[in-house]
């Protein structure tokens, strides 16, 4: 499912990229017991907040859950293209 930002900026995800994203969500759910819809909602909200300040390269964005010492960590690699002129 393309995100709102992708649709606003005319970006269309390739089917393989969409399938990979969905698989990542399923794996994240299994690792952290976070429901996949909640994980996707968290991802969208993180993107929405950051997009107020910077332009993000959505093609190379990676948000995931990893097991860390004694718990679980949210790990994000969010490539920034440029700072928004408004801020």
N, C-alpha and C. Protein backbone atom coordinates (compact mmCIF):
# COMPACT_ATOMS: atom_id res chain seq x y z
N UNK A 1 0.85 -1.17 0.00
CA UNK A 1 0.00 0.00 0.00
C UNK A 1 0.90 1.24 0.00
N UNK A 2 0.82 2.07 -1.01
CA UNK A 2 1.66 3.26 -1.04
C UNK A 2 1.27 4.21 0.09
N UNK A 3 2.25 4.88 0.64
CA UNK A 3 1.97 5.80 1.72
C UNK A 3 1.38 7.08 1.16
N UNK A 4 0.81 7.88 2.04
CA UNK A 4 0.21 9.14 1.65
C UNK A 4 1.24 10.06 1.01
N UNK A 5 2.44 10.11 1.58
CA UNK A 5 3.49 10.96 1.03
C UNK A 5 3.88 10.53 -0.37
N UNK A 6 3.95 9.22 -0.60
CA UNK A 6 4.28 8.72 -1.94
C UNK A 6 3.23 9.18 -2.94
N UNK A 7 1.97 9.08 -2.54
CA UNK A 7 0.90 9.48 -3.45
C UNK A 7 0.91 10.98 -3.69
N UNK A 8 1.18 11.76 -2.65
CA UNK A 8 1.22 13.21 -2.80
C UNK A 8 2.33 13.66 -3.74
N UNK A 9 3.48 13.01 -3.67
CA UNK A 9 4.62 13.39 -4.49
C UNK A 9 4.70 12.59 -5.79
N UNK A 10 3.69 11.78 -6.07
CA UNK A 10 3.66 11.06 -7.33
C UNK A 10 4.61 9.88 -7.41
N UNK A 11 5.10 9.43 -6.27
CA UNK A 11 6.01 8.28 -6.27
C UNK A 11 5.18 7.01 -6.21
N UNK A 12 5.54 6.04 -7.00
CA UNK A 12 4.84 4.77 -7.01
C UNK A 12 5.84 3.69 -6.65
N UNK A 13 5.48 2.89 -5.65
CA UNK A 13 6.37 1.80 -5.25
C UNK A 13 6.26 0.66 -6.25
N UNK A 14 7.35 0.02 -6.52
CA UNK A 14 7.36 -1.14 -7.39
C UNK A 14 6.80 -2.32 -6.59
N UNK A 15 6.13 -3.26 -7.25
CA UNK A 15 5.54 -4.40 -6.54
C UNK A 15 6.55 -5.16 -5.67
N UNK A 16 7.77 -5.31 -6.15
CA UNK A 16 8.78 -6.03 -5.36
C UNK A 16 9.11 -5.27 -4.08
N UNK A 17 9.19 -3.96 -4.18
CA UNK A 17 9.49 -3.13 -3.01
C UNK A 17 8.35 -3.21 -2.00
N UNK A 18 7.11 -3.20 -2.50
CA UNK A 18 5.94 -3.31 -1.63
C UNK A 18 5.94 -4.66 -0.91
N UNK A 19 6.22 -5.72 -1.64
CA UNK A 19 6.26 -7.05 -1.04
C UNK A 19 7.35 -7.14 0.02
N UNK A 20 8.51 -6.56 -0.27
CA UNK A 20 9.61 -6.56 0.69
C UNK A 20 9.22 -5.81 1.96
N UNK A 21 8.56 -4.67 1.81
CA UNK A 21 8.12 -3.88 2.96
C UNK A 21 7.13 -4.67 3.81
N UNK A 22 6.22 -5.34 3.17
CA UNK A 22 5.22 -6.13 3.91
C UNK A 22 5.88 -7.29 4.64
N UNK A 23 6.84 -7.94 4.00
CA UNK A 23 7.56 -9.04 4.64
C UNK A 23 8.31 -8.53 5.87
N UNK A 24 8.94 -7.36 5.74
CA UNK A 24 9.65 -6.76 6.88
C UNK A 24 8.69 -6.53 8.05
N UNK A 25 7.49 -6.04 7.74
CA UNK A 25 6.51 -5.80 8.80
C UNK A 25 6.12 -7.09 9.51
N UNK A 26 5.95 -8.17 8.75
CA UNK A 26 5.62 -9.46 9.35
C UNK A 26 6.75 -9.94 10.25
N UNK A 27 7.99 -9.81 9.77
CA UNK A 27 9.14 -10.23 10.57
C UNK A 27 9.27 -9.38 11.84
N UNK A 28 9.04 -8.06 11.71
CA UNK A 28 9.11 -7.19 12.88
C UNK A 28 8.07 -7.59 13.91
N UNK A 29 6.90 -7.92 13.43
CA UNK A 29 5.83 -8.34 14.34
C UNK A 29 6.24 -9.58 15.12
N UNK A 30 6.82 -10.54 14.42
CA UNK A 30 7.25 -11.77 15.06
C UNK A 30 8.33 -11.52 16.11
N UNK A 31 9.22 -10.60 15.85
CA UNK A 31 10.32 -10.33 16.77
C UNK A 31 9.90 -9.58 18.01
N UNK A 32 8.96 -8.67 17.89
CA UNK A 32 8.66 -7.77 18.99
C UNK A 32 7.24 -7.89 19.52
N UNK A 33 6.45 -8.76 18.95
CA UNK A 33 5.05 -8.88 19.33
C UNK A 33 4.29 -7.57 19.17
N UNK A 34 4.72 -6.74 18.22
CA UNK A 34 3.99 -5.53 17.87
C UNK A 34 3.16 -5.88 16.64
N UNK A 35 1.86 -5.67 16.73
CA UNK A 35 1.02 -6.01 15.57
C UNK A 35 1.48 -5.25 14.32
N UNK A 36 1.46 -5.92 13.18
CA UNK A 36 1.91 -5.32 11.92
C UNK A 36 1.21 -4.01 11.61
N UNK A 37 -0.12 -3.90 11.79
CA UNK A 37 -0.77 -2.61 11.52
C UNK A 37 -0.25 -1.49 12.42
N UNK A 38 0.05 -1.81 13.67
CA UNK A 38 0.60 -0.81 14.58
C UNK A 38 1.99 -0.39 14.14
N UNK A 39 2.80 -1.34 13.69
CA UNK A 39 4.15 -1.04 13.23
C UNK A 39 4.09 -0.13 12.00
N UNK A 40 3.19 -0.42 11.09
CA UNK A 40 3.03 0.41 9.89
C UNK A 40 2.57 1.82 10.27
N UNK A 41 1.67 1.92 11.21
CA UNK A 41 1.18 3.23 11.67
C UNK A 41 2.32 4.02 12.31
N UNK A 42 3.15 3.36 13.11
CA UNK A 42 4.31 4.02 13.72
C UNK A 42 5.24 4.55 12.63
N UNK A 43 5.49 3.73 11.63
CA UNK A 43 6.37 4.12 10.53
C UNK A 43 5.83 5.36 9.82
N UNK A 44 4.52 5.35 9.53
CA UNK A 44 3.89 6.49 8.84
C UNK A 44 3.99 7.76 9.68
N UNK A 45 3.78 7.63 10.99
CA UNK A 45 3.84 8.80 11.86
C UNK A 45 5.25 9.35 11.97
N UNK A 46 6.23 8.47 12.04
CA UNK A 46 7.64 8.91 12.07
C UNK A 46 7.96 9.69 10.80
N UNK A 47 7.56 9.15 9.66
CA UNK A 47 7.79 9.82 8.38
C UNK A 47 7.08 11.17 8.34
N UNK A 48 5.84 11.21 8.80
CA UNK A 48 5.07 12.47 8.78
C UNK A 48 5.74 13.55 9.62
N UNK A 49 6.21 13.19 10.81
CA UNK A 49 6.86 14.17 11.68
C UNK A 49 8.16 14.66 11.06
N UNK A 50 9.00 13.75 10.62
CA UNK A 50 10.28 14.13 10.03
C UNK A 50 10.10 14.96 8.76
N UNK A 51 9.05 14.66 8.00
CA UNK A 51 8.81 15.36 6.74
C UNK A 51 8.47 16.83 6.93
N UNK A 52 8.09 17.21 8.13
CA UNK A 52 7.85 18.63 8.43
C UNK A 52 9.16 19.41 8.36
N UNK A 53 10.27 18.75 8.60
CA UNK A 53 11.56 19.42 8.72
C UNK A 53 12.55 19.09 7.61
N UNK A 54 12.45 17.88 7.07
CA UNK A 54 13.40 17.44 6.05
C UNK A 54 12.68 16.65 4.96
N UNK A 55 13.32 16.59 3.79
CA UNK A 55 12.83 15.75 2.70
C UNK A 55 13.54 14.41 2.84
N UNK A 56 12.77 13.34 2.88
CA UNK A 56 13.29 12.00 3.12
C UNK A 56 13.31 11.20 1.82
N UNK A 57 14.36 10.40 1.64
CA UNK A 57 14.45 9.48 0.51
C UNK A 57 13.66 8.23 0.89
N UNK A 58 12.39 8.19 0.50
CA UNK A 58 11.50 7.09 0.89
C UNK A 58 11.90 5.75 0.28
N UNK A 59 12.58 5.77 -0.85
CA UNK A 59 13.01 4.53 -1.50
C UNK A 59 14.01 3.76 -0.63
N UNK A 60 14.83 4.48 0.14
CA UNK A 60 15.89 3.84 0.92
C UNK A 60 15.64 3.90 2.42
N UNK A 61 14.44 4.27 2.82
CA UNK A 61 14.05 4.32 4.22
C UNK A 61 13.96 2.91 4.78
N UNK A 62 14.46 2.72 5.97
CA UNK A 62 14.39 1.40 6.61
C UNK A 62 14.11 1.58 8.09
N UNK A 63 12.96 1.12 8.53
CA UNK A 63 12.57 1.18 9.93
C UNK A 63 12.29 -0.25 10.37
N UNK A 64 12.88 -0.65 11.46
CA UNK A 64 12.68 -2.02 11.91
C UNK A 64 12.84 -2.21 13.40
N UNK A 65 12.56 -3.40 13.82
CA UNK A 65 12.68 -3.79 15.22
C UNK A 65 13.81 -4.81 15.31
N UNK A 66 14.68 -4.62 16.27
CA UNK A 66 15.77 -5.57 16.50
C UNK A 66 15.82 -5.93 17.98
N UNK A 67 16.20 -7.14 18.23
CA UNK A 67 16.42 -7.55 19.62
C UNK A 67 17.71 -6.91 20.11
N UNK A 68 17.64 -6.32 21.26
CA UNK A 68 18.82 -5.70 21.88
C UNK A 68 19.00 -6.33 23.26
N UNK A 69 20.08 -5.96 23.91
CA UNK A 69 20.34 -6.51 25.24
C UNK A 69 19.16 -6.23 26.16
N UNK A 70 18.53 -7.30 26.61
CA UNK A 70 17.43 -7.17 27.55
C UNK A 70 16.15 -6.61 26.99
N UNK A 71 16.01 -6.50 25.68
CA UNK A 71 14.77 -5.97 25.14
C UNK A 71 14.77 -5.88 23.64
N UNK A 72 13.96 -4.97 23.17
CA UNK A 72 13.77 -4.77 21.74
C UNK A 72 14.05 -3.31 21.43
N UNK A 73 14.64 -3.01 20.27
CA UNK A 73 14.96 -1.65 19.89
C UNK A 73 14.33 -1.32 18.54
N UNK A 74 13.83 -0.10 18.42
CA UNK A 74 13.38 0.41 17.14
C UNK A 74 14.59 1.02 16.46
N UNK A 75 14.93 0.52 15.28
CA UNK A 75 16.11 0.97 14.56
C UNK A 75 15.65 1.57 13.23
N UNK A 76 16.13 2.78 12.94
CA UNK A 76 15.71 3.44 11.70
C UNK A 76 16.91 4.00 10.96
N UNK A 77 16.91 3.77 9.66
CA UNK A 77 17.87 4.39 8.77
C UNK A 77 17.02 5.24 7.82
N UNK A 78 17.12 6.57 7.98
CA UNK A 78 16.25 7.47 7.24
C UNK A 78 17.12 8.46 6.46
N UNK A 79 17.37 8.18 5.18
CA UNK A 79 18.20 9.08 4.39
C UNK A 79 17.51 10.43 4.18
N UNK A 80 18.23 11.50 4.47
CA UNK A 80 17.68 12.85 4.34
C UNK A 80 18.24 13.46 3.05
N UNK A 81 17.35 13.94 2.20
CA UNK A 81 17.72 14.54 0.92
C UNK A 81 18.13 16.00 1.14
N UNK A 82 17.30 16.73 1.89
CA UNK A 82 17.59 18.14 2.19
C UNK A 82 16.67 18.63 3.30
N UNK A 83 17.02 19.76 3.85
CA UNK A 83 16.20 20.40 4.88
C UNK A 83 15.10 21.18 4.17
N UNK A 84 13.88 21.11 4.73
CA UNK A 84 12.78 21.89 4.16
C UNK A 84 13.06 23.37 4.31
N UNK A 85 12.73 24.13 3.28
CA UNK A 85 12.99 25.58 3.29
C UNK A 85 12.15 26.31 4.32
N UNK A 86 10.96 25.77 4.65
CA UNK A 86 10.05 26.45 5.58
C UNK A 86 10.60 26.52 6.99
N UNK A 87 11.47 25.61 7.36
CA UNK A 87 11.95 25.57 8.74
C UNK A 87 13.36 26.04 8.85
